[in-house]
Amino acid sequence: MKRIGIVASRIAKDDLLVYNGLVMLFSFLLSLLIFFIAAFSILAAIALVSYVTRGYMSMDAGRGFFRFALMGLSGVVAIINFVAVIVNIKLKR
């Protein structure tokens, strides 16, 4: 999380508004990347379990679990994003 601030400070060059904007942008993009990678792995795991247990489970059970898993994942990613912004934001020079 500290690297977000380091990269933003090198790009902003003593402009506090640009620095804070870059911190928010980089933390959002990093959270989006984490969300997509984790969501793909959850989807792959559910697809594998669904393929193996095709005759034993209905498809609705997999969809319900996928929705529940993505809601939990979005909550975790939002907390990570919030902490990254709080750690790196500057109010004064």
N, C-alpha and C. Protein backbone atom coordinates (compact mmCIF):
# COMPACT_ATOMS: atom_id res chain seq x y z
N MET A 1 0.80 -1.19 0.00
CA MET A 1 0.00 0.00 0.00
C MET A 1 0.85 1.26 0.00
N LYS A 2 2.01 1.19 0.60
CA LYS A 2 2.89 2.35 0.63
C LYS A 2 3.42 2.69 -0.78
N ARG A 3 3.53 1.68 -1.62
CA ARG A 3 4.04 1.92 -2.96
C ARG A 3 3.11 2.79 -3.79
N ILE A 4 1.83 2.77 -3.48
CA ILE A 4 0.88 3.65 -4.17
C ILE A 4 1.28 5.10 -3.92
N GLY A 5 1.57 5.43 -2.68
CA GLY A 5 2.00 6.79 -2.33
C GLY A 5 3.33 7.16 -2.93
N ILE A 6 4.25 6.21 -3.01
CA ILE A 6 5.57 6.49 -3.59
C ILE A 6 5.44 6.82 -5.08
N VAL A 7 4.67 6.02 -5.79
CA VAL A 7 4.48 6.26 -7.23
C VAL A 7 3.73 7.56 -7.46
N ALA A 8 2.70 7.81 -6.66
CA ALA A 8 1.92 9.04 -6.83
C ALA A 8 2.76 10.28 -6.54
N SER A 9 3.64 10.21 -5.54
CA SER A 9 4.47 11.38 -5.22
C SER A 9 5.51 11.64 -6.30
N ARG A 10 6.01 10.59 -6.93
CA ARG A 10 6.97 10.81 -8.01
C ARG A 10 6.31 11.42 -9.25
N ILE A 11 5.08 11.04 -9.50
CA ILE A 11 4.38 11.59 -10.67
C ILE A 11 3.86 13.00 -10.38
N ALA A 12 3.36 13.26 -9.17
CA ALA A 12 2.72 14.54 -8.85
C ALA A 12 3.71 15.69 -8.72
N LYS A 13 4.90 15.44 -8.21
CA LYS A 13 5.95 16.46 -8.04
C LYS A 13 5.45 17.69 -7.29
N ASP A 14 5.14 17.52 -6.02
CA ASP A 14 4.78 18.58 -5.07
C ASP A 14 3.42 19.23 -5.33
N ASP A 15 2.56 18.62 -6.08
CA ASP A 15 1.20 19.12 -6.25
C ASP A 15 0.26 18.22 -5.45
N LEU A 16 -0.27 18.76 -4.36
CA LEU A 16 -1.04 17.96 -3.41
C LEU A 16 -2.34 17.45 -4.00
N LEU A 17 -3.02 18.25 -4.81
CA LEU A 17 -4.28 17.83 -5.41
C LEU A 17 -4.06 16.70 -6.41
N VAL A 18 -3.03 16.80 -7.21
CA VAL A 18 -2.71 15.73 -8.17
C VAL A 18 -2.28 14.47 -7.43
N TYR A 19 -1.52 14.63 -6.35
CA TYR A 19 -1.09 13.48 -5.55
C TYR A 19 -2.29 12.72 -5.00
N ASN A 20 -3.22 13.43 -4.39
CA ASN A 20 -4.39 12.76 -3.82
C ASN A 20 -5.26 12.13 -4.90
N GLY A 21 -5.38 12.78 -6.04
CA GLY A 21 -6.11 12.19 -7.15
C GLY A 21 -5.46 10.92 -7.67
N LEU A 22 -4.14 10.94 -7.76
CA LEU A 22 -3.42 9.75 -8.23
C LEU A 22 -3.51 8.61 -7.21
N VAL A 23 -3.47 8.93 -5.94
CA VAL A 23 -3.62 7.90 -4.90
C VAL A 23 -4.97 7.22 -5.05
N MET A 24 -6.02 8.01 -5.24
CA MET A 24 -7.36 7.42 -5.40
C MET A 24 -7.46 6.61 -6.69
N LEU A 25 -6.88 7.12 -7.77
CA LEU A 25 -6.92 6.40 -9.05
C LEU A 25 -6.16 5.09 -8.98
N PHE A 26 -4.95 5.12 -8.44
CA PHE A 26 -4.14 3.90 -8.37
C PHE A 26 -4.75 2.87 -7.43
N SER A 27 -5.30 3.32 -6.31
CA SER A 27 -5.91 2.37 -5.39
C SER A 27 -7.17 1.76 -6.00
N PHE A 28 -7.93 2.54 -6.76
CA PHE A 28 -9.11 2.00 -7.44
C PHE A 28 -8.70 0.97 -8.49
N LEU A 29 -7.69 1.28 -9.29
CA LEU A 29 -7.26 0.35 -10.33
C LEU A 29 -6.68 -0.93 -9.72
N LEU A 30 -5.93 -0.81 -8.65
CA LEU A 30 -5.38 -1.99 -7.98
C LEU A 30 -6.50 -2.84 -7.38
N SER A 31 -7.49 -2.21 -6.79
CA SER A 31 -8.62 -2.96 -6.23
C SER A 31 -9.42 -3.65 -7.33
N LEU A 32 -9.58 -2.98 -8.46
CA LEU A 32 -10.29 -3.58 -9.58
C LEU A 32 -9.53 -4.80 -10.11
N LEU A 33 -8.22 -4.71 -10.18
CA LEU A 33 -7.41 -5.84 -10.63
C LEU A 33 -7.52 -7.01 -9.65
N ILE A 34 -7.45 -6.72 -8.36
CA ILE A 34 -7.59 -7.77 -7.35
C ILE A 34 -8.96 -8.42 -7.45
N PHE A 35 -10.00 -7.61 -7.64
CA PHE A 35 -11.35 -8.14 -7.73
C PHE A 35 -11.50 -9.07 -8.92
N PHE A 36 -11.01 -8.67 -10.08
CA PHE A 36 -11.17 -9.50 -11.27
C PHE A 36 -10.38 -10.81 -11.17
N ILE A 37 -9.18 -10.75 -10.65
CA ILE A 37 -8.38 -11.97 -10.50
C ILE A 37 -9.05 -12.93 -9.51
N ALA A 38 -9.50 -12.41 -8.38
CA ALA A 38 -10.14 -13.28 -7.38
C ALA A 38 -11.49 -13.79 -7.88
N ALA A 39 -12.25 -12.95 -8.59
CA ALA A 39 -13.54 -13.40 -9.11
C ALA A 39 -13.36 -14.49 -10.16
N PHE A 40 -12.33 -14.37 -10.98
CA PHE A 40 -12.08 -15.42 -11.97
C PHE A 40 -11.71 -16.73 -11.30
N SER A 41 -10.92 -16.67 -10.24
CA SER A 41 -10.55 -17.91 -9.55
C SER A 41 -11.75 -18.54 -8.85
N ILE A 42 -12.63 -17.71 -8.30
CA ILE A 42 -13.87 -18.24 -7.69
C ILE A 42 -14.74 -18.87 -8.76
N LEU A 43 -14.87 -18.20 -9.89
CA LEU A 43 -15.68 -18.74 -10.99
C LEU A 43 -15.11 -20.06 -11.50
N ALA A 44 -13.79 -20.14 -11.62
CA ALA A 44 -13.17 -21.38 -12.08
C ALA A 44 -13.39 -22.51 -11.08
N ALA A 45 -13.30 -22.21 -9.79
CA ALA A 45 -13.52 -23.24 -8.78
C ALA A 45 -14.96 -23.72 -8.79
N ILE A 46 -15.91 -22.80 -8.92
CA ILE A 46 -17.32 -23.19 -8.96
C ILE A 46 -17.61 -23.99 -10.22
N ALA A 47 -17.02 -23.61 -11.34
CA ALA A 47 -17.23 -24.36 -12.58
C ALA A 47 -16.66 -25.77 -12.46
N LEU A 48 -15.51 -25.90 -11.83
CA LEU A 48 -14.92 -27.22 -11.65
C LEU A 48 -15.77 -28.09 -10.73
N VAL A 49 -16.24 -27.53 -9.62
CA VAL A 49 -17.10 -28.28 -8.71
C VAL A 49 -18.41 -28.64 -9.40
N SER A 50 -18.96 -27.72 -10.17
CA SER A 50 -20.21 -27.98 -10.89
C SER A 50 -20.02 -29.08 -11.93
N TYR A 51 -18.88 -29.08 -12.60
CA TYR A 51 -18.61 -30.12 -13.61
C TYR A 51 -18.47 -31.49 -12.96
N VAL A 52 -17.79 -31.54 -11.81
CA VAL A 52 -17.57 -32.81 -11.13
C VAL A 52 -18.87 -33.35 -10.54
N THR A 53 -19.70 -32.48 -9.98
CA THR A 53 -20.93 -32.92 -9.32
C THR A 53 -22.16 -32.64 -10.18
N ARG A 54 -22.04 -32.76 -11.46
CA ARG A 54 -23.14 -32.42 -12.37
C ARG A 54 -24.41 -33.21 -12.08
N GLY A 55 -24.33 -34.47 -11.79
CA GLY A 55 -25.52 -35.27 -11.55
C GLY A 55 -26.07 -35.14 -10.15
N TYR A 56 -25.30 -34.57 -9.23
CA TYR A 56 -25.71 -34.54 -7.83
C TYR A 56 -26.29 -33.19 -7.39
N MET A 57 -25.89 -32.09 -8.03
CA MET A 57 -26.33 -30.76 -7.62
C MET A 57 -27.08 -30.08 -8.74
N SER A 58 -27.92 -29.14 -8.37
CA SER A 58 -28.58 -28.32 -9.39
C SER A 58 -27.71 -27.11 -9.69
N MET A 59 -27.95 -26.46 -10.80
CA MET A 59 -27.16 -25.29 -11.18
C MET A 59 -27.48 -24.08 -10.31
N ASP A 60 -28.66 -24.04 -9.71
CA ASP A 60 -29.03 -22.89 -8.89
C ASP A 60 -28.16 -22.77 -7.65
N ALA A 61 -27.70 -23.88 -7.12
CA ALA A 61 -26.85 -23.84 -5.93
C ALA A 61 -25.52 -23.17 -6.25
N GLY A 62 -24.96 -23.42 -7.42
CA GLY A 62 -23.70 -22.79 -7.81
C GLY A 62 -23.86 -21.31 -8.05
N ARG A 63 -24.96 -20.90 -8.64
CA ARG A 63 -25.20 -19.48 -8.89
C ARG A 63 -25.40 -18.71 -7.59
N GLY A 64 -26.12 -19.30 -6.66
CA GLY A 64 -26.32 -18.64 -5.37
C GLY A 64 -25.03 -18.48 -4.61
N PHE A 65 -24.19 -19.51 -4.63
CA PHE A 65 -22.89 -19.41 -3.95
C PHE A 65 -22.00 -18.39 -4.64
N PHE A 66 -22.07 -18.33 -5.97
CA PHE A 66 -21.25 -17.36 -6.71
C PHE A 66 -21.64 -15.94 -6.34
N ARG A 67 -22.92 -15.67 -6.24
CA ARG A 67 -23.37 -14.33 -5.84
C ARG A 67 -22.90 -14.00 -4.42
N PHE A 68 -23.04 -14.95 -3.52
CA PHE A 68 -22.61 -14.75 -2.14
C PHE A 68 -21.09 -14.52 -2.07
N ALA A 69 -20.33 -15.28 -2.84
CA ALA A 69 -18.87 -15.14 -2.83
C ALA A 69 -18.45 -13.79 -3.40
N LEU A 70 -19.11 -13.33 -4.45
CA LEU A 70 -18.76 -12.04 -5.04
C LEU A 70 -19.15 -10.88 -4.13
N MET A 71 -20.24 -11.01 -3.40
CA MET A 71 -20.60 -9.95 -2.44
C MET A 71 -19.56 -9.87 -1.33
N GLY A 72 -19.12 -11.01 -0.82
CA GLY A 72 -18.08 -11.01 0.19
C GLY A 72 -16.76 -10.47 -0.34
N LEU A 73 -16.44 -10.86 -1.56
CA LEU A 73 -15.21 -10.38 -2.18
C LEU A 73 -15.24 -8.88 -2.41
N SER A 74 -16.37 -8.35 -2.83
CA SER A 74 -16.46 -6.91 -3.04
C SER A 74 -16.34 -6.16 -1.72
N GLY A 75 -16.85 -6.71 -0.64
CA GLY A 75 -16.68 -6.09 0.67
C GLY A 75 -15.22 -6.06 1.11
N VAL A 76 -14.52 -7.16 0.92
CA VAL A 76 -13.10 -7.22 1.29
C VAL A 76 -12.27 -6.26 0.44
N VAL A 77 -12.54 -6.21 -0.85
CA VAL A 77 -11.79 -5.32 -1.74
C VAL A 77 -12.08 -3.86 -1.41
N ALA A 78 -13.32 -3.54 -1.04
CA ALA A 78 -13.65 -2.17 -0.65
C ALA A 78 -12.90 -1.77 0.62
N ILE A 79 -12.79 -2.68 1.57
CA ILE A 79 -12.03 -2.37 2.80
C ILE A 79 -10.56 -2.16 2.49
N ILE A 80 -9.99 -2.99 1.63
CA ILE A 80 -8.59 -2.83 1.23
C ILE A 80 -8.37 -1.49 0.54
N ASN A 81 -9.30 -1.12 -0.35
CA ASN A 81 -9.20 0.15 -1.06
C ASN A 81 -9.30 1.32 -0.08
N PHE A 82 -10.22 1.25 0.87
CA PHE A 82 -10.38 2.30 1.86
C PHE A 82 -9.12 2.46 2.70
N VAL A 83 -8.53 1.38 3.14
CA VAL A 83 -7.30 1.44 3.94
C VAL A 83 -6.15 2.00 3.12
N ALA A 84 -6.04 1.61 1.85
CA ALA A 84 -4.97 2.13 1.00
C ALA A 84 -5.09 3.63 0.81
N VAL A 85 -6.30 4.14 0.64
CA VAL A 85 -6.49 5.58 0.48
C VAL A 85 -6.19 6.30 1.78
N ILE A 86 -6.65 5.78 2.91
CA ILE A 86 -6.42 6.43 4.21
C ILE A 86 -4.94 6.47 4.53
N VAL A 87 -4.21 5.40 4.23
CA VAL A 87 -2.79 5.35 4.53
C VAL A 87 -2.00 6.35 3.68
N ASN A 88 -2.40 6.55 2.43
CA ASN A 88 -1.59 7.34 1.52
C ASN A 88 -2.06 8.76 1.29
N ILE A 89 -3.22 9.15 1.76
CA ILE A 89 -3.72 10.51 1.48
C ILE A 89 -2.98 11.53 2.36
N LYS A 90 -2.75 12.69 1.80
CA LYS A 90 -2.08 13.77 2.54
C LYS A 90 -2.99 14.98 2.56
N LEU A 91 -3.11 15.59 3.74
CA LEU A 91 -3.92 16.80 3.84
C LEU A 91 -3.05 18.05 3.81
N LYS A 92 -1.83 17.94 4.30
CA LYS A 92 -0.88 19.07 4.27
C LYS A 92 0.43 18.59 3.67
N ARG A 93 1.21 19.51 3.19
CA ARG A 93 2.50 19.14 2.61
C ARG A 93 3.41 18.71 3.67
